[in-house]
């Protein structure tokens, strides 16, 4: 990839290399698409940023997750402490056919 945030042209060697990685990591999702774990993407190391760009460019979305617990325990909001801690998505869902 030539630069961060740059588009990977379809059918380019970079595009196909990312598809190969995602085909290996992805599992079927109930939506009919594919789902891939964020931890598995992180394990790809230095390629993580370009894979995340590819997912975004191909209509991949973070899977809806359960809201994070409030800071300072269950009753943290009562003690004047801040609200919930923002959590990173655990999985990303790709639409059907995006890895074909």
PDB file of N, CA and C in Angstrom:
ATOM      1  N   UNK A   1       0.844  -1.161   0.000  1.00  0.00           N
ATOM      2  CA  UNK A   1       0.000   0.000   0.000  1.00  0.00           C
ATOM      3  C   UNK A   1       0.898   1.235   0.000  1.00  0.00           C
ATOM      4  N   UNK A   2       0.589   2.213  -0.781  1.00  0.00           N
ATOM      5  CA  UNK A   2       1.471   3.353  -0.953  1.00  0.00           C
ATOM      6  C   UNK A   2       1.472   4.306   0.230  1.00  0.00           C
ATOM      7  N   UNK A   3       0.376   4.455   0.942  1.00  0.00           N
ATOM      8  CA  UNK A   3       0.334   5.358   2.086  1.00  0.00           C
ATOM      9  C   UNK A   3      -0.864   5.059   2.947  1.00  0.00           C
ATOM     10  N   UNK A   4      -0.781   5.437   4.199  1.00  0.00           N
ATOM     11  CA  UNK A   4      -1.887   5.167   5.106  1.00  0.00           C
ATOM     12  C   UNK A   4      -3.129   5.900   4.640  1.00  0.00           C
ATOM     13  N   UNK A   5      -4.235   5.187   4.606  1.00  0.00           N
ATOM     14  CA  UNK A   5      -5.480   5.791   4.176  1.00  0.00           C
ATOM     15  C   UNK A   5      -5.690   5.730   2.673  1.00  0.00           C
ATOM     16  N   UNK A   6      -4.683   5.260   1.932  1.00  0.00           N
ATOM     17  CA  UNK A   6      -4.813   5.174   0.481  1.00  0.00           C
ATOM     18  C   UNK A   6      -5.720   4.001   0.126  1.00  0.00           C
ATOM     19  N   UNK A   7      -6.461   4.170  -0.943  1.00  0.00           N
ATOM     20  CA  UNK A   7      -7.337   3.111  -1.414  1.00  0.00           C
ATOM     21  C   UNK A   7      -6.517   2.003  -2.043  1.00  0.00           C
ATOM     22  N   UNK A   8      -6.905   0.765  -1.797  1.00  0.00           N
ATOM     23  CA  UNK A   8      -6.295  -0.375  -2.463  1.00  0.00           C
ATOM     24  C   UNK A   8      -7.146  -0.650  -3.677  1.00  0.00           C
ATOM     25  N   UNK A   9      -6.548  -0.547  -4.864  1.00  0.00           N
ATOM     26  CA  UNK A   9      -7.340  -0.746  -6.070  1.00  0.00           C
ATOM     27  C   UNK A   9      -7.789  -2.197  -6.172  1.00  0.00           C
ATOM     28  N   UNK A  10      -9.021  -2.371  -6.634  1.00  0.00           N
ATOM     29  CA  UNK A  10      -9.599  -3.709  -6.771  1.00  0.00           C
ATOM     30  C   UNK A  10      -8.755  -4.540  -7.708  1.00  0.00           C
ATOM     31  N   UNK A  11      -8.626  -5.809  -7.370  1.00  0.00           N
ATOM     32  CA  UNK A  11      -7.878  -6.783  -8.167  1.00  0.00           C
ATOM     33  C   UNK A  11      -6.383  -6.507  -8.206  1.00  0.00           C
ATOM     34  N   UNK A  12      -5.881  -5.625  -7.360  1.00  0.00           N
ATOM     35  CA  UNK A  12      -4.439  -5.397  -7.274  1.00  0.00           C
ATOM     36  C   UNK A  12      -3.832  -6.507  -6.416  1.00  0.00           C
ATOM     37  N   UNK A  13      -2.521  -6.696  -6.483  1.00  0.00           N
ATOM     38  CA  UNK A  13      -1.900  -7.713  -5.625  1.00  0.00           C
ATOM     39  C   UNK A  13      -2.153  -7.463  -4.133  1.00  0.00           C
ATOM     40  N   UNK A  14      -2.170  -6.189  -3.716  1.00  0.00           N
ATOM     41  CA  UNK A  14      -2.433  -5.872  -2.311  1.00  0.00           C
ATOM     42  C   UNK A  14      -3.860  -6.254  -1.925  1.00  0.00           C
ATOM     43  N   UNK A  15      -4.808  -5.950  -2.810  1.00  0.00           N
ATOM     44  CA  UNK A  15      -6.204  -6.277  -2.573  1.00  0.00           C
ATOM     45  C   UNK A  15      -6.363  -7.792  -2.415  1.00  0.00           C
ATOM     46  N   UNK A  16      -5.776  -8.540  -3.302  1.00  0.00           N
ATOM     47  CA  UNK A  16      -5.892  -9.999  -3.245  1.00  0.00           C
ATOM     48  C   UNK A  16      -5.198 -10.560  -2.013  1.00  0.00           C
ATOM     49  N   UNK A  17      -4.069  -9.990  -1.615  1.00  0.00           N
ATOM     50  CA  UNK A  17      -3.361 -10.459  -0.422  1.00  0.00           C
ATOM     51  C   UNK A  17      -4.220 -10.261   0.830  1.00  0.00           C
ATOM     52  N   UNK A  18      -4.912  -9.142   0.918  1.00  0.00           N
ATOM     53  CA  UNK A  18      -5.783  -8.889   2.067  1.00  0.00           C
ATOM     54  C   UNK A  18      -6.973  -9.834   2.037  1.00  0.00           C
ATOM     55  N   UNK A  19      -7.537 -10.080   0.846  1.00  0.00           N
ATOM     56  CA  UNK A  19      -8.653 -11.037   0.731  1.00  0.00           C
ATOM     57  C   UNK A  19      -8.228 -12.430   1.200  1.00  0.00           C
ATOM     58  N   UNK A  20      -7.012 -12.843   0.863  1.00  0.00           N
ATOM     59  CA  UNK A  20      -6.511 -14.159   1.278  1.00  0.00           C
ATOM     60  C   UNK A  20      -6.453 -14.239   2.800  1.00  0.00           C
ATOM     61  N   UNK A  21      -5.930 -13.194   3.434  1.00  0.00           N
ATOM     62  CA  UNK A  21      -5.861 -13.158   4.898  1.00  0.00           C
ATOM     63  C   UNK A  21      -7.259 -13.224   5.494  1.00  0.00           C
ATOM     64  N   UNK A  22      -8.180 -12.418   4.976  1.00  0.00           N
ATOM     65  CA  UNK A  22      -9.533 -12.390   5.520  1.00  0.00           C
ATOM     66  C   UNK A  22     -10.281 -13.692   5.268  1.00  0.00           C
ATOM     67  N   UNK A  23     -10.074 -14.330   4.125  1.00  0.00           N
ATOM     68  CA  UNK A  23     -10.715 -15.634   3.873  1.00  0.00           C
ATOM     69  C   UNK A  23     -10.248 -16.662   4.901  1.00  0.00           C
ATOM     70  N   UNK A  24      -8.979 -16.582   5.272  1.00  0.00           N
ATOM     71  CA  UNK A  24      -8.413 -17.521   6.248  1.00  0.00           C
ATOM     72  C   UNK A  24      -9.000 -17.272   7.638  1.00  0.00           C
ATOM     73  N   UNK A  25      -9.209 -16.005   7.994  1.00  0.00           N
ATOM     74  CA  UNK A  25      -9.637 -15.653   9.347  1.00  0.00           C
ATOM     75  C   UNK A  25     -11.150 -15.598   9.539  1.00  0.00           C
ATOM     76  N   UNK A  26     -11.887 -15.363   8.475  1.00  0.00           N
ATOM     77  CA  UNK A  26     -13.325 -15.120   8.583  1.00  0.00           C
ATOM     78  C   UNK A  26     -14.121 -16.400   8.794  1.00  0.00           C
ATOM     79  N   UNK A  27     -15.248 -16.224   9.449  1.00  0.00           N
ATOM     80  CA  UNK A  27     -16.206 -17.307   9.689  1.00  0.00           C
ATOM     81  C   UNK A  27     -17.583 -16.821   9.244  1.00  0.00           C
ATOM     82  N   UNK A  28     -18.489 -17.745   8.921  1.00  0.00           N
ATOM     83  CA  UNK A  28     -19.845 -17.339   8.519  1.00  0.00           C
ATOM     84  C   UNK A  28     -20.543 -16.556   9.628  1.00  0.00           C
ATOM     85  N   UNK A  29     -21.320 -15.565   9.215  1.00  0.00           N
ATOM     86  CA  UNK A  29     -22.096 -14.749  10.151  1.00  0.00           C
ATOM     87  C   UNK A  29     -23.577 -14.965   9.865  1.00  0.00           C
ATOM     88  N   UNK A  30     -24.409 -14.785  10.858  1.00  0.00           N
ATOM     89  CA  UNK A  30     -25.848 -15.009  10.698  1.00  0.00           C
ATOM     90  C   UNK A  30     -26.486 -14.074   9.670  1.00  0.00           C
ATOM     91  N   UNK A  31     -25.811 -12.976   9.339  1.00  0.00           N
ATOM     92  CA  UNK A  31     -26.329 -12.031   8.338  1.00  0.00           C
ATOM     93  C   UNK A  31     -26.162 -12.551   6.911  1.00  0.00           C
ATOM     94  N   UNK A  32     -25.409 -13.631   6.766  1.00  0.00           N
ATOM     95  CA  UNK A  32     -25.110 -14.152   5.435  1.00  0.00           C
ATOM     96  C   UNK A  32     -23.737 -13.726   4.958  1.00  0.00           C
ATOM     97  N   UNK A  33     -23.128 -12.814   5.675  1.00  0.00           N
ATOM     98  CA  UNK A  33     -21.780 -12.357   5.346  1.00  0.00           C
ATOM     99  C   UNK A  33     -20.745 -13.150   6.117  1.00  0.00           C
ATOM    100  N   UNK A  34     -19.624 -12.512   6.378  1.00  0.00           N
ATOM    101  CA  UNK A  34     -18.536 -13.138   7.111  1.00  0.00           C
ATOM    102  C   UNK A  34     -18.202 -12.267   8.310  1.00  0.00           C
ATOM    103  N   UNK A  35     -17.666 -12.886   9.355  1.00  0.00           N
ATOM    104  CA  UNK A  35     -17.248 -12.147  10.540  1.00  0.00           C
ATOM    105  C   UNK A  35     -15.813 -12.525  10.869  1.00  0.00           C
ATOM    106  N   UNK A  36     -15.046 -11.533  11.304  1.00  0.00           N
ATOM    107  CA  UNK A  36     -13.654 -11.778  11.667  1.00  0.00           C
ATOM    108  C   UNK A  36     -13.383 -11.122  13.017  1.00  0.00           C
ATOM    109  N   UNK A  37     -12.657 -11.829  13.857  1.00  0.00           N
ATOM    110  CA  UNK A  37     -12.337 -11.348  15.194  1.00  0.00           C
ATOM    111  C   UNK A  37     -11.249 -10.280  15.136  1.00  0.00           C
ATOM    112  N   UNK A  38     -11.407  -9.237  15.924  1.00  0.00           N
ATOM    113  CA  UNK A  38     -10.409  -8.167  15.991  1.00  0.00           C
ATOM    114  C   UNK A  38      -9.073  -8.718  16.480  1.00  0.00           C
ATOM    115  N   UNK A  39      -9.091  -9.643  17.428  1.00  0.00           N
ATOM    116  CA  UNK A  39      -7.853 -10.230  17.948  1.00  0.00           C
ATOM    117  C   UNK A  39      -7.078 -10.939  16.843  1.00  0.00           C
ATOM    118  N   UNK A  40      -7.790 -11.627  15.964  1.00  0.00           N
ATOM    119  CA  UNK A  40      -7.125 -12.309  14.848  1.00  0.00           C
ATOM    120  C   UNK A  40      -6.503 -11.300  13.892  1.00  0.00           C
ATOM    121  N   UNK A  41      -7.187 -10.174  13.679  1.00  0.00           N
ATOM    122  CA  UNK A  41      -6.638  -9.123  12.816  1.00  0.00           C
ATOM    123  C   UNK A  41      -5.393  -8.507  13.443  1.00  0.00           C
ATOM    124  N   UNK A  42      -5.439  -8.270  14.748  1.00  0.00           N
ATOM    125  CA  UNK A  42      -4.276  -7.722  15.443  1.00  0.00           C
ATOM    126  C   UNK A  42      -3.081  -8.667  15.356  1.00  0.00           C
ATOM    127  N   UNK A  43      -3.349  -9.961  15.343  1.00  0.00           N
ATOM    128  CA  UNK A  43      -2.276 -10.944  15.250  1.00  0.00           C
ATOM    129  C   UNK A  43      -1.555 -10.899  13.907  1.00  0.00           C
ATOM    130  N   UNK A  44      -2.147 -10.246  12.919  1.00  0.00           N
ATOM    131  CA  UNK A  44      -1.492 -10.084  11.621  1.00  0.00           C
ATOM    132  C   UNK A  44      -0.378  -9.046  11.677  1.00  0.00           C
ATOM    133  N   UNK A  45      -0.233  -8.380  12.807  1.00  0.00           N
ATOM    134  CA  UNK A  45       0.881  -7.456  13.026  1.00  0.00           C
ATOM    135  C   UNK A  45       0.781  -6.162  12.253  1.00  0.00           C
ATOM    136  N   UNK A  46       1.834  -5.830  11.538  1.00  0.00           N
ATOM    137  CA  UNK A  46       1.949  -4.543  10.854  1.00  0.00           C
ATOM    138  C   UNK A  46       0.888  -4.349   9.771  1.00  0.00           C
ATOM    139  N   UNK A  47       0.257  -5.411   9.331  1.00  0.00           N
ATOM    140  CA  UNK A  47      -0.777  -5.304   8.284  1.00  0.00           C
ATOM    141  C   UNK A  47      -2.126  -4.863   8.845  1.00  0.00           C
ATOM    142  N   UNK A  48      -2.264  -4.831  10.169  1.00  0.00           N
ATOM    143  CA  UNK A  48      -3.545  -4.494  10.793  1.00  0.00           C
ATOM    144  C   UNK A  48      -4.141  -3.197  10.247  1.00  0.00           C
ATOM    145  N   UNK A  49      -3.398  -2.078  10.185  1.00  0.00           N
ATOM    146  CA  UNK A  49      -4.016  -0.834   9.689  1.00  0.00           C
ATOM    147  C   UNK A  49      -4.551  -0.945   8.260  1.00  0.00           C
ATOM    148  N   UNK A  50      -3.791  -1.566   7.363  1.00  0.00           N
ATOM    149  CA  UNK A  50      -4.271  -1.657   5.984  1.00  0.00           C
ATOM    150  C   UNK A  50      -5.443  -2.626   5.856  1.00  0.00           C
ATOM    151  N   UNK A  51      -5.479  -3.658   6.686  1.00  0.00           N
ATOM    152  CA  UNK A  51      -6.627  -4.570   6.679  1.00  0.00           C
ATOM    153  C   UNK A  51      -7.869  -3.841   7.169  1.00  0.00           C
ATOM    154  N   UNK A  52      -7.725  -3.017   8.200  1.00  0.00           N
ATOM    155  CA  UNK A  52      -8.871  -2.258   8.712  1.00  0.00           C
ATOM    156  C   UNK A  52      -9.378  -1.258   7.668  1.00  0.00           C
ATOM    157  N   UNK A  53      -8.479  -0.634   6.928  1.00  0.00           N
ATOM    158  CA  UNK A  53      -8.884   0.271   5.845  1.00  0.00           C
ATOM    159  C   UNK A  53      -9.658  -0.513   4.798  1.00  0.00           C
ATOM    160  N   UNK A  54      -9.158  -1.694   4.421  1.00  0.00           N
ATOM    161  CA  UNK A  54      -9.820  -2.534   3.424  1.00  0.00           C
ATOM    162  C   UNK A  54     -11.221  -2.892   3.891  1.00  0.00           C
ATOM    163  N   UNK A  55     -11.361  -3.293   5.151  1.00  0.00           N
ATOM    164  CA  UNK A  55     -12.670  -3.667   5.690  1.00  0.00           C
ATOM    165  C   UNK A  55     -13.635  -2.492   5.577  1.00  0.00           C
ATOM    166  N   UNK A  56     -13.189  -1.312   5.961  1.00  0.00           N
ATOM    167  CA  UNK A  56     -14.034  -0.113   5.889  1.00  0.00           C
ATOM    168  C   UNK A  56     -14.422   0.198   4.451  1.00  0.00           C
ATOM    169  N   UNK A  57     -13.466   0.106   3.532  1.00  0.00           N
ATOM    170  CA  UNK A  57     -13.731   0.407   2.125  1.00  0.00           C
ATOM    171  C   UNK A  57     -14.674  -0.595   1.473  1.00  0.00           C
ATOM    172  N   UNK A  58     -14.804  -1.784   2.053  1.00  0.00           N
ATOM    173  CA  UNK A  58     -15.661  -2.823   1.495  1.00  0.00           C
ATOM    174  C   UNK A  58     -16.917  -3.033   2.335  1.00  0.00           C
ATOM    175  N   UNK A  59     -17.378  -1.971   2.988  1.00  0.00           N
ATOM    176  CA  UNK A  59     -18.637  -1.939   3.739  1.00  0.00           C
ATOM    177  C   UNK A  59     -18.652  -2.851   4.957  1.00  0.00           C
ATOM    178  N   UNK A  60     -17.477  -3.193   5.475  1.00  0.00           N
ATOM    179  CA  UNK A  60     -17.414  -3.941   6.719  1.00  0.00           C
ATOM    180  C   UNK A  60     -17.747  -3.019   7.882  1.00  0.00           C
ATOM    181  N   UNK A  61     -18.416  -3.565   8.872  1.00  0.00           N
ATOM    182  CA  UNK A  61     -18.816  -2.756  10.021  1.00  0.00           C
ATOM    183  C   UNK A  61     -18.477  -3.477  11.318  1.00  0.00           C
ATOM    184  N   UNK A  62     -18.253  -2.713  12.395  1.00  0.00           N
ATOM    185  CA  UNK A  62     -18.057  -3.359  13.693  1.00  0.00           C
ATOM    186  C   UNK A  62     -19.346  -4.039  14.121  1.00  0.00           C
ATOM    187  N   UNK A  63     -19.230  -5.211  14.666  1.00  0.00           N
ATOM    188  CA  UNK A  63     -20.411  -5.916  15.153  1.00  0.00           C
ATOM    189  C   UNK A  63     -20.912  -5.205  16.407  1.00  0.00           C
ATOM    190  N   UNK A  64     -22.212  -5.077  16.526  1.00  0.00           N
ATOM    191  CA  UNK A  64     -22.786  -4.442  17.716  1.00  0.00           C
ATOM    192  C   UNK A  64     -22.363  -5.242  18.938  1.00  0.00           C
ATOM    193  N   UNK A  65     -21.920  -4.528  19.946  1.00  0.00           N
ATOM    194  CA  UNK A  65     -21.464  -5.218  21.142  1.00  0.00           C
ATOM    195  C   UNK A  65     -22.256  -4.741  22.353  1.00  0.00           C
ATOM    196  N   UNK A  66     -22.086  -5.437  23.431  1.00  0.00           N
ATOM    197  CA  UNK A  66     -22.737  -5.074  24.682  1.00  0.00           C
ATOM    198  C   UNK A  66     -22.045  -3.820  25.207  1.00  0.00           C
ATOM    199  N   UNK A  67     -22.803  -2.914  25.768  1.00  0.00           N
ATOM    200  CA  UNK A  67     -22.234  -1.684  26.315  1.00  0.00           C
ATOM    201  C   UNK A  67     -21.212  -2.010  27.395  1.00  0.00           C
ATOM    202  N   UNK A  68     -20.168  -1.213  27.441  1.00  0.00           N
ATOM    203  CA  UNK A  68     -19.115  -1.410  28.434  1.00  0.00           C
ATOM    204  C   UNK A  68     -19.639  -1.088  29.834  1.00  0.00           C
ATOM    205  N   UNK A  69     -19.058  -1.734  30.811  1.00  0.00           N
ATOM    206  CA  UNK A  69     -19.448  -1.488  32.201  1.00  0.00           C
ATOM    207  C   UNK A  69     -18.976  -0.104  32.645  1.00  0.00           C
ATOM    208  N   UNK A  70     -19.698   0.508  33.552  1.00  0.00           N
ATOM    209  CA  UNK A  70     -19.266   1.813  34.047  1.00  0.00           C
ATOM    210  C   UNK A  70     -17.952   1.691  34.816  1.00  0.00           C
ATOM    211  N   UNK A  71     -17.209   2.778  34.855  1.00  0.00           N
ATOM    212  CA  UNK A  71     -15.969   2.794  35.648  1.00  0.00           C
ATOM    213  C   UNK A  71     -16.317   2.686  37.118  1.00  0.00           C
ATOM    214  N   UNK A  72     -15.399   2.210  37.901  1.00  0.00           N
ATOM    215  CA  UNK A  72     -15.537   2.112  39.353  1.00  0.00           C
ATOM    216  C   UNK A  72     -16.683   1.197  39.752  1.00  0.00           C
ATOM    217  N   UNK A  73     -16.906   0.150  39.000  1.00  0.00           N
ATOM    218  CA  UNK A  73     -17.898  -0.844  39.367  1.00  0.00           C
ATOM    219  C   UNK A  73     -19.309  -0.493  38.948  1.00  0.00           C
ATOM    220  N   UNK A  74     -20.205  -1.309  39.359  1.00  0.00           N
ATOM    221  CA  UNK A  74     -21.606  -1.199  38.971  1.00  0.00           C
ATOM    222  C   UNK A  74     -22.227   0.149  39.348  1.00  0.00           C
ATOM    223  N   UNK A  75     -21.844   0.702  40.482  1.00  0.00           N
ATOM    224  CA  UNK A  75     -22.446   1.940  40.962  1.00  0.00           C
ATOM    225  C   UNK A  75     -21.511   3.137  40.792  1.00  0.00           C
ATOM    226  N   UNK A  76     -20.581   3.059  39.860  1.00  0.00           N
ATOM    227  CA  UNK A  76     -19.612   4.124  39.637  1.00  0.00           C
ATOM    228  C   UNK A  76     -20.241   5.450  39.288  1.00  0.00           C
ATOM    229  N   UNK A  77     -21.347   5.427  38.569  1.00  0.00           N
ATOM    230  CA  UNK A  77     -21.995   6.685  38.195  1.00  0.00           C
ATOM    231  C   UNK A  77     -22.550   7.420  39.413  1.00  0.00           C
ATOM    232  N   UNK A  78     -22.860   6.703  40.481  1.00  0.00           N
ATOM    233  CA  UNK A  78     -23.385   7.331  41.704  1.00  0.00           C
ATOM    234  C   UNK A  78     -22.298   8.049  42.493  1.00  0.00           C
ATOM    235  N   UNK A  79     -21.052   7.637  42.325  1.00  0.00           N
ATOM    236  CA  UNK A  79     -19.958   8.226  43.097  1.00  0.00           C
ATOM    237  C   UNK A  79     -19.358   9.438  42.404  1.00  0.00           C
ATOM    238  N   UNK A  80     -19.963   9.871  41.320  1.00  0.00           N
ATOM    239  CA  UNK A  80     -19.454  11.042  40.619  1.00  0.00           C
ATOM    240  C   UNK A  80     -18.372  10.697  39.616  1.00  0.00           C
ATOM    241  N   UNK A  81     -17.990   9.427  39.570  1.00  0.00           N
ATOM    242  CA  UNK A  81     -16.999   8.990  38.586  1.00  0.00           C
ATOM    243  C   UNK A  81     -17.598   9.017  37.204  1.00  0.00           C
ATOM    244  N   UNK A  82     -16.771   8.996  36.178  1.00  0.00           N
ATOM    245  CA  UNK A  82     -17.224   9.079  34.790  1.00  0.00           C
ATOM    246  C   UNK A  82     -18.170   7.973  34.394  1.00  0.00           C
ATOM    247  N   UNK A  83     -18.591   8.025  33.174  1.00  0.00           N
ATOM    248  CA  UNK A  83     -19.528   7.041  32.640  1.00  0.00           C
ATOM    249  C   UNK A  83     -18.833   5.774  32.205  1.00  0.00           C
ATOM    250  N   UNK A  84     -19.397   5.134  31.232  1.00  0.00           N
ATOM    251  CA  UNK A  84     -18.879   3.864  30.742  1.00  0.00           C
ATOM    252  C   UNK A  84     -17.569   4.063  29.993  1.00  0.00           C
ATOM    253  N   UNK A  85     -16.751   3.036  30.046  1.00  0.00           N
ATOM    254  CA  UNK A  85     -15.493   3.030  29.312  1.00  0.00           C
ATOM    255  C   UNK A  85     -15.796   2.557  27.891  1.00  0.00           C
ATOM    256  N   UNK A  86     -15.347   3.298  26.891  1.00  0.00           N
ATOM    257  CA  UNK A  86     -15.583   2.906  25.498  1.00  0.00           C
ATOM    258  C   UNK A  86     -14.803   1.631  25.189  1.00  0.00           C
ATOM    259  N   UNK A  87     -15.464   0.680  24.587  1.00  0.00           N
ATOM    260  CA  UNK A  87     -14.832  -0.587  24.249  1.00  0.00           C
ATOM    261  C   UNK A  87     -14.615  -0.665  22.748  1.00  0.00           C
ATOM    262  N   UNK A  88     -13.507  -1.266  22.339  1.00  0.00           N
ATOM    263  CA  UNK A  88     -13.250  -1.509  20.918  1.00  0.00           C
ATOM    264  C   UNK A  88     -14.151  -2.659  20.481  1.00  0.00           C
ATOM    265  N   UNK A  89     -14.596  -2.634  19.221  1.00  0.00           N
ATOM    266  CA  UNK A  89     -15.409  -3.764  18.747  1.00  0.00           C
ATOM    267  C   UNK A  89     -14.597  -5.056  18.793  1.00  0.00           C
ATOM    268  N   UNK A  90     -15.235  -6.148  19.117  1.00  0.00           N
ATOM    269  CA  UNK A  90     -14.550  -7.435  19.178  1.00  0.00           C
ATOM    270  C   UNK A  90     -14.519  -8.130  17.830  1.00  0.00           C
ATOM    271  N   UNK A  91     -15.511  -7.828  16.979  1.00  0.00           N
ATOM    272  CA  UNK A  91     -15.597  -8.478  15.664  1.00  0.00           C
ATOM    273  C   UNK A  91     -16.051  -7.492  14.618  1.00  0.00           C
ATOM    274  N   UNK A  92     -15.701  -7.789  13.370  1.00  0.00           N
ATOM    275  CA  UNK A  92     -16.120  -6.978  12.221  1.00  0.00           C
ATOM    276  C   UNK A  92     -16.878  -7.866  11.254  1.00  0.00           C
ATOM    277  N   UNK A  93     -18.002  -7.351  10.768  1.00  0.00           N
ATOM    278  CA  UNK A  93     -18.849  -8.102   9.857  1.00  0.00           C
ATOM    279  C   UNK A  93     -18.675  -7.573   8.444  1.00  0.00           C
ATOM    280  N   UNK A  94     -18.396  -8.461   7.507  1.00  0.00           N
ATOM    281  CA  UNK A  94     -18.259  -8.137   6.099  1.00  0.00           C
ATOM    282  C   UNK A  94     -19.514  -8.596   5.362  1.00  0.00           C
ATOM    283  N   UNK A  95     -19.993  -7.801   4.411  1.00  0.00           N
ATOM    284  CA  UNK A  95     -21.193  -8.203   3.682  1.00  0.00           C
ATOM    285  C   UNK A  95     -20.949  -9.452   2.831  1.00  0.00           C
ATOM    286  N   UNK A  96     -22.025 -10.148   2.530  1.00  0.00           N
ATOM    287  CA  UNK A  96     -21.942 -11.345   1.690  1.00  0.00           C
ATOM    288  C   UNK A  96     -21.273 -11.016   0.370  1.00  0.00           C
ATOM    289  N   UNK A  97     -20.379 -11.861  -0.075  1.00  0.00           N
ATOM    290  CA  UNK A  97     -19.722 -11.701  -1.357  1.00  0.00           C
ATOM    291  C   UNK A  97     -18.503 -10.798  -1.364  1.00  0.00           C
ATOM    292  N   UNK A  98     -18.188 -10.155  -0.259  1.00  0.00           N
ATOM    293  CA  UNK A  98     -17.065  -9.216  -0.266  1.00  0.00           C
ATOM    294  C   UNK A  98     -15.714  -9.901  -0.342  1.00  0.00           C
ATOM    295  N   UNK A  99     -15.647 -11.184   0.014  1.00  0.00           N
ATOM    296  CA  UNK A  99     -14.377 -11.911  -0.035  1.00  0.00           C
ATOM    297  C   UNK A  99     -14.264 -12.794  -1.269  1.00  0.00           C
ATOM    298  N   UNK A 100     -15.265 -12.735  -2.133  1.00  0.00           N
ATOM    299  CA  UNK A 100     -15.254 -13.582  -3.342  1.00  0.00           C
ATOM    300  C   UNK A 100     -14.196 -13.124  -4.343  1.00  0.00           C
TER     301      UNK A 100
END
